[in-house]
Amino acid sequence: MKVTAIIDDKTIEEAMKYSRASTITEALKVALKEYITLQKLKELGKMVKKDPMKFRYSADEIRNVNREQ
């Protein structure tokens, strides 16, 4: 998809620096992928906080099972 966007030079320079990209397009792709990943992790964190995992066994019980094998 072709997109035209007005982004200040400093932001582009920083994006290229931190992404180590050689082109603006590459830097924007990296930045967008990182942003999307971060948002997905935030959503996952909210889900886990809302409904935390419950463990049936203690750490000692799991160690004992592992030692038996």
N, C-alpha and C. Protein backbone atom coordinates (compact mmCIF):
# COMPACT_ATOMS: atom_id res chain seq x y z
N MET A 1 0.85 -1.16 0.00
CA MET A 1 0.00 0.00 0.00
C MET A 1 0.90 1.23 0.00
N LYS A 2 0.55 2.16 -0.79
CA LYS A 2 1.30 3.40 -0.87
C LYS A 2 0.60 4.43 0.01
N VAL A 3 1.40 5.14 0.83
CA VAL A 3 0.85 6.11 1.77
C VAL A 3 1.70 7.37 1.73
N THR A 4 1.04 8.50 1.82
CA THR A 4 1.74 9.76 1.95
C THR A 4 1.49 10.27 3.36
N ALA A 5 2.57 10.59 4.07
CA ALA A 5 2.43 11.07 5.45
C ALA A 5 3.41 12.21 5.68
N ILE A 6 2.97 13.15 6.48
CA ILE A 6 3.85 14.27 6.83
C ILE A 6 4.38 14.00 8.24
N ILE A 7 5.67 13.70 8.32
CA ILE A 7 6.32 13.37 9.59
C ILE A 7 7.57 14.23 9.69
N ASP A 8 7.76 14.85 10.86
CA ASP A 8 8.90 15.76 10.98
C ASP A 8 10.23 14.99 10.85
N ASP A 9 11.23 15.70 10.36
CA ASP A 9 12.54 15.11 10.07
C ASP A 9 13.19 14.46 11.29
N LYS A 10 13.07 15.11 12.44
CA LYS A 10 13.70 14.57 13.65
C LYS A 10 13.13 13.19 13.99
N THR A 11 11.83 13.04 13.88
CA THR A 11 11.19 11.75 14.18
C THR A 11 11.67 10.68 13.22
N ILE A 12 11.76 11.01 11.95
CA ILE A 12 12.26 10.06 10.95
C ILE A 12 13.71 9.70 11.23
N GLU A 13 14.53 10.70 11.54
CA GLU A 13 15.94 10.44 11.85
C GLU A 13 16.08 9.50 13.05
N GLU A 14 15.29 9.76 14.09
CA GLU A 14 15.36 8.89 15.27
C GLU A 14 14.88 7.48 14.94
N ALA A 15 13.82 7.37 14.17
CA ALA A 15 13.31 6.05 13.79
C ALA A 15 14.36 5.27 13.01
N MET A 16 15.04 5.94 12.11
CA MET A 16 16.08 5.29 11.31
C MET A 16 17.26 4.90 12.19
N LYS A 17 17.61 5.77 13.14
CA LYS A 17 18.73 5.49 14.03
C LYS A 17 18.44 4.25 14.88
N TYR A 18 17.30 4.24 15.56
CA TYR A 18 17.00 3.15 16.48
C TYR A 18 16.64 1.84 15.77
N SER A 19 16.09 1.94 14.57
CA SER A 19 15.75 0.72 13.83
C SER A 19 16.94 0.21 13.03
N ARG A 20 17.97 1.06 12.92
CA ARG A 20 19.15 0.74 12.10
C ARG A 20 18.75 0.47 10.64
N ALA A 21 17.72 1.17 10.21
CA ALA A 21 17.22 1.02 8.85
C ALA A 21 18.01 1.91 7.90
N SER A 22 18.10 1.44 6.67
CA SER A 22 18.82 2.24 5.67
C SER A 22 17.86 3.10 4.83
N THR A 23 16.57 2.82 4.96
CA THR A 23 15.58 3.63 4.22
C THR A 23 14.46 4.05 5.17
N ILE A 24 13.77 5.08 4.79
CA ILE A 24 12.63 5.56 5.58
C ILE A 24 11.55 4.49 5.63
N THR A 25 11.29 3.86 4.50
CA THR A 25 10.26 2.81 4.44
C THR A 25 10.58 1.69 5.41
N GLU A 26 11.82 1.25 5.41
CA GLU A 26 12.22 0.18 6.32
C GLU A 26 12.05 0.62 7.78
N ALA A 27 12.45 1.84 8.08
CA ALA A 27 12.33 2.35 9.44
C ALA A 27 10.87 2.40 9.89
N LEU A 28 10.00 2.84 9.01
CA LEU A 28 8.58 2.92 9.35
C LEU A 28 7.97 1.53 9.53
N LYS A 29 8.40 0.57 8.70
CA LYS A 29 7.91 -0.81 8.87
C LYS A 29 8.32 -1.36 10.23
N VAL A 30 9.58 -1.15 10.60
CA VAL A 30 10.07 -1.63 11.90
C VAL A 30 9.30 -0.96 13.02
N ALA A 31 9.13 0.34 12.94
CA ALA A 31 8.44 1.09 13.99
C ALA A 31 7.00 0.63 14.14
N LEU A 32 6.31 0.45 13.03
CA LEU A 32 4.91 0.01 13.10
C LEU A 32 4.79 -1.40 13.66
N LYS A 33 5.68 -2.30 13.23
CA LYS A 33 5.65 -3.67 13.76
C LYS A 33 5.91 -3.69 15.26
N GLU A 34 6.88 -2.89 15.71
CA GLU A 34 7.19 -2.81 17.13
C GLU A 34 5.99 -2.25 17.91
N TYR A 35 5.36 -1.23 17.36
CA TYR A 35 4.20 -0.63 18.02
C TYR A 35 3.06 -1.64 18.14
N ILE A 36 2.80 -2.35 17.07
CA ILE A 36 1.72 -3.35 17.08
C ILE A 36 2.02 -4.45 18.09
N THR A 37 3.27 -4.91 18.12
CA THR A 37 3.67 -5.94 19.08
C THR A 37 3.47 -5.45 20.51
N LEU A 38 3.86 -4.22 20.78
CA LEU A 38 3.70 -3.65 22.11
C LEU A 38 2.23 -3.59 22.51
N GLN A 39 1.38 -3.18 21.59
CA GLN A 39 -0.05 -3.09 21.89
C GLN A 39 -0.64 -4.48 22.17
N LYS A 40 -0.22 -5.48 21.41
CA LYS A 40 -0.69 -6.85 21.64
C LYS A 40 -0.24 -7.36 23.00
N LEU A 41 0.99 -7.04 23.40
CA LEU A 41 1.47 -7.44 24.72
C LEU A 41 0.67 -6.76 25.83
N LYS A 42 0.32 -5.50 25.61
CA LYS A 42 -0.50 -4.80 26.60
C LYS A 42 -1.86 -5.46 26.74
N GLU A 43 -2.47 -5.83 25.62
CA GLU A 43 -3.76 -6.52 25.64
C GLU A 43 -3.64 -7.85 26.38
N LEU A 44 -2.59 -8.59 26.09
CA LEU A 44 -2.38 -9.87 26.75
C LEU A 44 -2.22 -9.67 28.26
N GLY A 45 -1.46 -8.65 28.65
CA GLY A 45 -1.29 -8.34 30.07
C GLY A 45 -2.62 -8.06 30.75
N LYS A 46 -3.48 -7.32 30.08
CA LYS A 46 -4.80 -7.03 30.64
C LYS A 46 -5.63 -8.30 30.79
N MET A 47 -5.54 -9.18 29.79
CA MET A 47 -6.28 -10.45 29.85
C MET A 47 -5.80 -11.30 31.02
N VAL A 48 -4.49 -11.39 31.19
CA VAL A 48 -3.93 -12.20 32.27
C VAL A 48 -4.29 -11.59 33.63
N LYS A 49 -4.27 -10.27 33.71
CA LYS A 49 -4.63 -9.61 34.96
C LYS A 49 -6.09 -9.86 35.30
N LYS A 50 -6.93 -9.84 34.28
CA LYS A 50 -8.37 -10.05 34.48
C LYS A 50 -8.67 -11.49 34.87
N ASP A 51 -7.99 -12.43 34.26
CA ASP A 51 -8.22 -13.86 34.52
C ASP A 51 -6.87 -14.56 34.66
N PRO A 52 -6.21 -14.42 35.83
CA PRO A 52 -4.86 -14.97 35.99
C PRO A 52 -4.84 -16.49 35.90
N MET A 53 -3.69 -17.00 35.49
CA MET A 53 -3.51 -18.44 35.41
C MET A 53 -3.48 -19.01 36.82
N LYS A 54 -4.03 -20.20 36.97
CA LYS A 54 -4.01 -20.86 38.26
C LYS A 54 -3.19 -22.14 38.12
N PHE A 55 -2.27 -22.34 39.05
CA PHE A 55 -1.41 -23.51 39.01
C PHE A 55 -1.94 -24.56 39.98
N ARG A 56 -1.98 -25.81 39.51
CA ARG A 56 -2.48 -26.89 40.35
C ARG A 56 -1.41 -27.44 41.27
N TYR A 57 -0.17 -27.28 40.91
CA TYR A 57 0.92 -27.87 41.67
C TYR A 57 1.88 -26.80 42.16
N SER A 58 2.50 -27.07 43.30
CA SER A 58 3.51 -26.15 43.81
C SER A 58 4.83 -26.43 43.10
N ALA A 59 5.78 -25.54 43.27
CA ALA A 59 7.10 -25.72 42.66
C ALA A 59 7.75 -26.99 43.17
N ASP A 60 7.61 -27.28 44.48
CA ASP A 60 8.19 -28.51 45.04
C ASP A 60 7.58 -29.75 44.43
N GLU A 61 6.27 -29.75 44.22
CA GLU A 61 5.61 -30.91 43.62
C GLU A 61 6.10 -31.14 42.19
N ILE A 62 6.26 -30.08 41.45
CA ILE A 62 6.74 -30.21 40.07
C ILE A 62 8.18 -30.71 40.05
N ARG A 63 9.03 -30.20 40.95
CA ARG A 63 10.41 -30.68 41.04
C ARG A 63 10.45 -32.17 41.33
N ASN A 64 9.60 -32.62 42.24
CA ASN A 64 9.57 -34.05 42.58
C ASN A 64 9.15 -34.90 41.39
N VAL A 65 8.18 -34.42 40.63
CA VAL A 65 7.75 -35.16 39.43
C VAL A 65 8.88 -35.22 38.43
N ASN A 66 9.58 -34.11 38.23
CA ASN A 66 10.70 -34.09 37.29
C ASN A 66 11.84 -35.02 37.71
N ARG A 67 12.08 -35.09 39.01
CA ARG A 67 13.17 -35.95 39.50
C ARG A 67 12.84 -37.42 39.33
N GLU A 68 11.56 -37.76 39.38
CA GLU A 68 11.14 -39.16 39.24
C GLU A 68 11.33 -39.68 37.82
N GLN A 69 11.35 -38.78 36.88
CA GLN A 69 11.44 -39.21 35.46
C GLN A 69 12.84 -39.42 35.02
